[in-house]
Protein backbone atom coordinates (compact mmCIF):
# COMPACT_ATOMS: atom_id res chain seq x y z
CA UNK A 1 24.34 -23.58 -5.25
CA UNK A 2 23.91 -21.82 -1.92
CA UNK A 3 21.02 -21.09 0.45
CA UNK A 4 20.46 -17.53 1.64
CA UNK A 5 17.93 -15.88 3.96
CA UNK A 6 16.55 -12.40 4.54
CA UNK A 7 13.22 -11.40 6.12
CA UNK A 8 11.02 -8.36 6.60
CA UNK A 9 11.53 -6.72 3.23
CA UNK A 10 8.51 -4.48 3.98
CA UNK A 11 8.20 -3.41 0.36
CA UNK A 12 5.71 -0.73 -0.65
CA UNK A 13 5.99 -0.24 -4.40
CA UNK A 14 2.21 -0.70 -4.67
CA UNK A 15 1.43 1.43 -1.59
CA UNK A 16 4.08 4.19 -1.58
CA UNK A 17 2.47 5.97 1.40
CA UNK A 18 3.85 3.19 3.63
CA UNK A 19 7.57 3.77 3.12
CA UNK A 20 9.73 2.42 5.95
CA UNK A 21 11.68 5.62 6.58
CA UNK A 22 9.22 6.46 9.39
CA UNK A 23 11.00 3.78 11.42
CA UNK A 24 14.27 5.71 11.45
CA UNK A 25 17.18 6.67 9.20
CA UNK A 26 18.49 3.13 9.03
CA UNK A 27 15.51 2.32 6.78
CA UNK A 28 16.25 5.08 4.26
CA UNK A 29 16.24 3.69 0.71
CA UNK A 30 16.25 0.17 2.16
CA UNK A 31 14.86 -1.58 -0.95
CA UNK A 32 17.76 -0.30 -3.05
CA UNK A 33 20.19 -1.48 -0.37
CA UNK A 34 18.63 -4.95 -0.43
CA UNK A 35 18.78 -5.11 -4.21
CA UNK A 36 22.42 -4.04 -4.33
CA UNK A 37 23.58 -6.55 -1.71
CA UNK A 38 21.37 -9.32 -3.14
CA UNK A 39 22.79 -8.99 -6.65
CA UNK A 40 26.34 -8.90 -5.27
CA UNK A 41 26.18 -12.38 -3.70
CA UNK A 42 23.19 -14.39 -4.96
CA UNK A 43 23.31 -16.37 -8.21
CA UNK A 44 20.41 -17.70 -10.33
CA UNK A 45 20.97 -21.27 -9.08
CA UNK A 46 20.74 -20.23 -5.39
CA UNK A 47 17.78 -20.52 -3.00
CA UNK A 48 16.56 -17.53 -0.95
CA UNK A 49 14.31 -17.87 2.12
CA UNK A 50 12.11 -14.85 2.95
CA UNK A 51 10.50 -15.31 6.35
CA UNK A 52 7.53 -12.97 6.12
CA UNK A 53 6.55 -9.29 6.12
CA UNK A 54 7.12 -9.08 2.41
CA UNK A 55 4.72 -6.30 1.42
CA UNK A 56 2.71 -3.55 3.13
CA UNK A 57 -0.10 -4.07 0.62
CA UNK A 58 -3.59 -4.66 1.98
CA UNK A 59 -4.93 -6.27 -1.22
CA UNK A 60 -3.35 -8.94 -3.45
CA UNK A 61 -3.27 -6.70 -6.52
CA UNK A 62 -1.33 -4.06 -4.58
CA UNK A 63 1.30 -6.66 -3.62
CA UNK A 64 2.02 -7.58 -7.26
CA UNK A 65 4.59 -4.77 -7.82
CA UNK A 66 6.52 -5.96 -4.76
CA UNK A 67 6.39 -9.60 -5.85
CA UNK A 68 7.53 -8.65 -9.34
CA UNK A 69 10.46 -6.72 -7.84
CA UNK A 70 11.51 -9.84 -5.91
CA UNK A 71 11.02 -12.03 -8.98
CA UNK A 72 13.53 -9.98 -10.97
CA UNK A 73 16.26 -10.66 -8.41
CA UNK A 74 18.43 -13.78 -8.87
CA UNK A 75 17.53 -17.10 -7.30
CA UNK A 76 14.57 -19.28 -6.41
CA UNK A 77 12.63 -17.71 -3.53
CA UNK A 78 10.51 -19.30 -0.80
CA UNK A 79 8.16 -17.15 1.28
CA UNK A 80 5.92 -17.44 4.33
CA UNK A 81 3.38 -14.99 5.68
CA UNK A 82 4.33 -12.33 8.24
CA UNK A 83 2.06 -10.44 10.60
CA UNK A 84 1.99 -7.43 8.24
CA UNK A 85 1.27 -9.40 5.07
CA UNK A 86 -2.40 -8.38 5.04
CA UNK A 87 -2.57 -9.06 1.29
CA UNK A 88 -2.00 -12.79 1.92
CA UNK A 89 -5.32 -14.62 1.80
CA UNK A 90 -5.89 -18.26 0.89
CA UNK A 91 -2.94 -20.15 -0.51
CA UNK A 92 -4.69 -20.55 -3.86
CA UNK A 93 -5.14 -16.77 -4.15
CA UNK A 94 -1.53 -16.17 -3.18
CA UNK A 95 -0.26 -18.66 -5.73
CA UNK A 96 -2.41 -17.04 -8.44
CA UNK A 97 -0.34 -13.82 -8.22
CA UNK A 98 3.10 -15.30 -7.54
CA UNK A 99 5.71 -14.82 -10.27
CA UNK A 100 7.51 -18.00 -11.40
CA UNK A 101 10.58 -17.69 -9.15
CA UNK A 102 8.59 -17.36 -5.88
CA UNK A 103 7.05 -20.26 -3.94
CA UNK A 104 4.79 -19.95 -0.88
CA UNK A 105 4.57 -22.27 2.13
CA UNK A 106 1.32 -22.56 4.08
CA UNK A 107 0.47 -25.77 5.93
CA UNK A 108 2.75 -27.66 3.54
CA UNK A 109 6.44 -27.96 2.63
CA UNK A 110 8.64 -27.00 -0.30
CA UNK A 111 11.26 -29.40 -1.65
CA UNK A 112 14.28 -28.12 -3.55
CA UNK A 113 17.13 -30.42 -4.55
CA UNK A 114 18.26 -32.11 -1.30
CA UNK A 115 16.44 -29.62 0.96
CA UNK A 116 12.95 -29.81 2.47
CA UNK A 117 11.49 -26.61 3.93
CA UNK A 118 8.54 -26.10 6.28
CA UNK A 119 7.19 -22.93 7.80
CA UNK A 120 4.55 -20.99 9.71
CA UNK A 121 4.05 -17.40 10.80
CA UNK A 122 3.69 -17.98 14.60
CA UNK A 123 2.62 -15.04 16.80
CA UNK A 124 3.37 -13.22 20.04
CA UNK A 125 3.43 -15.43 23.13
CA UNK A 126 3.93 -14.93 26.86
CA UNK A 127 6.26 -17.94 26.74
CA UNK A 128 9.19 -15.60 26.06
CA UNK A 129 9.79 -11.86 25.58
CA UNK A 130 12.06 -9.88 23.26
CA UNK A 131 11.52 -6.25 24.30
CA UNK A 132 14.86 -5.88 26.09
CA UNK A 133 16.84 -6.41 22.87
CA UNK A 134 15.08 -3.81 20.73
CA UNK A 135 15.02 -0.01 20.77
CA UNK A 136 11.74 1.92 20.77
CA UNK A 137 10.97 4.16 17.79
CA UNK A 138 9.09 7.33 18.82
CA UNK A 139 7.00 8.16 15.77
CA UNK A 140 3.17 8.25 15.72
CA UNK A 141 2.93 7.01 12.14
CA UNK A 142 5.36 4.18 12.83
CA UNK A 143 3.35 3.15 15.90
CA UNK A 144 0.13 3.10 13.86
CA UNK A 145 1.73 0.92 11.16
CA UNK A 146 3.14 -1.51 13.74
CA UNK A 147 0.52 -1.63 16.48
CA UNK A 148 -1.21 -4.85 17.51
CA UNK A 149 -4.79 -4.87 18.74
CA UNK A 150 -5.38 -8.28 20.28
CA UNK A 151 -5.51 -9.01 24.02
CA UNK A 152 -2.92 -11.35 25.61
CA UNK A 153 -5.56 -14.08 25.70
CA UNK A 154 -6.37 -13.66 22.01
CA UNK A 155 -2.65 -13.57 21.16
CA UNK A 156 -2.18 -16.90 22.90
CA UNK A 157 -5.11 -18.41 20.99
CA UNK A 158 -3.55 -17.27 17.72
CA UNK A 159 -0.19 -18.68 18.82
CA UNK A 160 -1.74 -22.08 19.61
CA UNK A 161 -3.38 -22.13 16.17
CA UNK A 162 -0.05 -21.27 14.55
CA UNK A 163 1.63 -24.14 16.38
CA UNK A 164 -0.91 -26.48 14.78
CA UNK A 165 -0.16 -25.00 11.37
CA UNK A 166 3.57 -25.40 11.96
CA UNK A 167 3.17 -29.07 12.80
CA UNK A 168 1.06 -29.62 9.68
CA UNK A 169 3.92 -28.15 7.68
CA UNK A 170 6.53 -30.19 9.54
CA UNK A 171 4.60 -33.38 8.80
CA UNK A 172 4.90 -32.52 5.10
CA UNK A 173 8.70 -32.45 5.18
CA UNK A 174 10.42 -35.01 3.02
CA UNK A 175 11.42 -37.61 5.58
CA UNK A 176 14.67 -38.64 3.90
CA UNK A 177 15.81 -35.10 3.03
CA UNK A 178 19.46 -34.58 4.03
CA UNK A 179 18.65 -31.04 5.17
CA UNK A 180 15.41 -29.88 6.81
CA UNK A 181 14.84 -26.16 7.29
CA UNK A 182 12.01 -24.28 9.00
CA UNK A 183 10.98 -20.68 8.38
CA UNK A 184 8.98 -18.78 11.01
CA UNK A 185 8.20 -15.09 11.02
CA UNK A 186 8.04 -14.59 14.78
CA UNK A 187 10.96 -15.86 16.88
CA UNK A 188 10.58 -19.56 17.71
CA UNK A 189 12.29 -19.23 21.11
CA UNK A 190 13.70 -16.57 23.39
CA UNK A 191 17.13 -15.06 23.83
CA UNK A 192 19.01 -16.36 25.77
CA UNK A 193 17.81 -19.57 24.18
CA UNK A 194 15.74 -21.99 26.22
CA UNK A 195 13.40 -24.82 25.28
CA UNK A 196 10.08 -23.67 23.80
CA UNK A 197 7.06 -25.36 22.29
CA UNK A 198 8.45 -24.57 18.85
CA UNK A 199 11.97 -25.78 19.61
CA UNK A 200 10.54 -29.09 20.84
CA UNK A 201 8.66 -29.51 17.55
CA UNK A 202 11.76 -28.75 15.49
CA UNK A 203 13.75 -31.31 17.45
CA UNK A 204 10.97 -33.87 17.04
CA UNK A 205 10.96 -33.53 13.24
CA UNK A 206 14.72 -33.48 12.76
CA UNK A 207 15.09 -29.86 11.65
CA UNK A 208 18.66 -28.54 11.30
CA UNK A 209 18.11 -24.82 10.68
CA UNK A 210 15.37 -22.33 11.59
CA UNK A 211 15.33 -18.84 10.06
CA UNK A 212 13.02 -16.11 11.30
CA UNK A 213 12.53 -12.35 11.39
CA UNK A 214 10.07 -9.88 12.95
CA UNK A 215 12.56 -8.29 15.34
CA UNK A 216 13.66 -4.77 14.40
CA UNK A 217 15.82 -1.97 15.78
CA UNK A 218 18.05 -4.46 17.60
CA UNK A 219 20.39 -2.85 20.12
CA UNK A 220 23.93 -2.65 18.77
CA UNK A 221 26.54 -5.14 19.93
CA UNK A 222 24.20 -7.99 20.90
CA UNK A 223 25.04 -11.57 19.95
CA UNK A 224 21.68 -13.20 19.33
CA UNK A 225 20.61 -16.81 18.95
CA UNK A 226 22.79 -19.63 17.60
CA UNK A 227 22.69 -23.41 18.06
CA UNK A 228 20.29 -24.91 20.60
CA UNK A 229 19.38 -28.60 20.86
CA UNK A 230 21.25 -29.24 17.58
CA UNK A 231 19.14 -26.68 15.67
CA UNK A 232 20.72 -23.51 14.31
CA UNK A 233 18.50 -20.46 14.93
CA UNK A 234 19.18 -17.52 12.60
CA UNK A 235 17.62 -14.06 12.91
CA UNK A 236 17.24 -12.67 9.39
CA UNK A 237 15.37 -9.35 9.74
CA UNK A 238 16.80 -7.24 6.95
CA UNK A 239 17.72 -4.24 9.11
CA UNK A 240 19.49 -6.55 11.59
CA UNK A 241 21.48 -7.93 8.64
CA UNK A 242 22.18 -4.39 7.36
CA UNK A 243 20.16 -5.37 4.28
CA UNK A 244 22.61 -8.11 3.30
CA UNK A 245 21.22 -11.64 2.73
CA UNK A 246 22.88 -14.13 5.06
CA UNK A 247 24.27 -17.41 3.72
CA UNK A 248 23.00 -20.38 5.75
CA UNK A 249 24.47 -23.14 3.56
């Protein structure tokens, strides 16, 4: 078996008016690209980590077509919430609509064979910035879909709350697991990599790999993230990966 990761699927089968092509030509027919690459490399016995922004749906019932699409792809899938997963309410409601091959993490951990996986969404923080590695998309509809409304002070309050949720999840990790993985939606540290509140938590709980997404329209030719403090940090936004799941073990 192998472990794969890909984030920010941004599916819209239940809300077709939110297609991702407004974010540029690289997003044209992106779901078909994901499906083609996924089926080419992932087997039924594999594990796939999806670090948030799964569906543009606003309501749980509108997310079901997207979840069913993921369910039909090979592998066992593990998901966390992204900032655009507005359909994601309480964990019990999420689990009530999840197909059998998809498992959600929220304030807990998921154990699979010799792997224990924790996760949390995180949020924007003034602790580090990412704007210099991404390209701006000039499109009014794209801006409306992607805009954030909170003040810097409110963003930091949300971030602090997410740190608490991350630690709750980390405490649920299987202590004797040979491999501990964390999924976050927002980046857990900056680039170039320096110590952050999240990186200190991952080191404290013995995490080996952290996968995350959220960053889009990355400038070409940049070498991003890597190993820091014995933790491997892997950016898995699907457009950054050219819609190809990345093998992490």
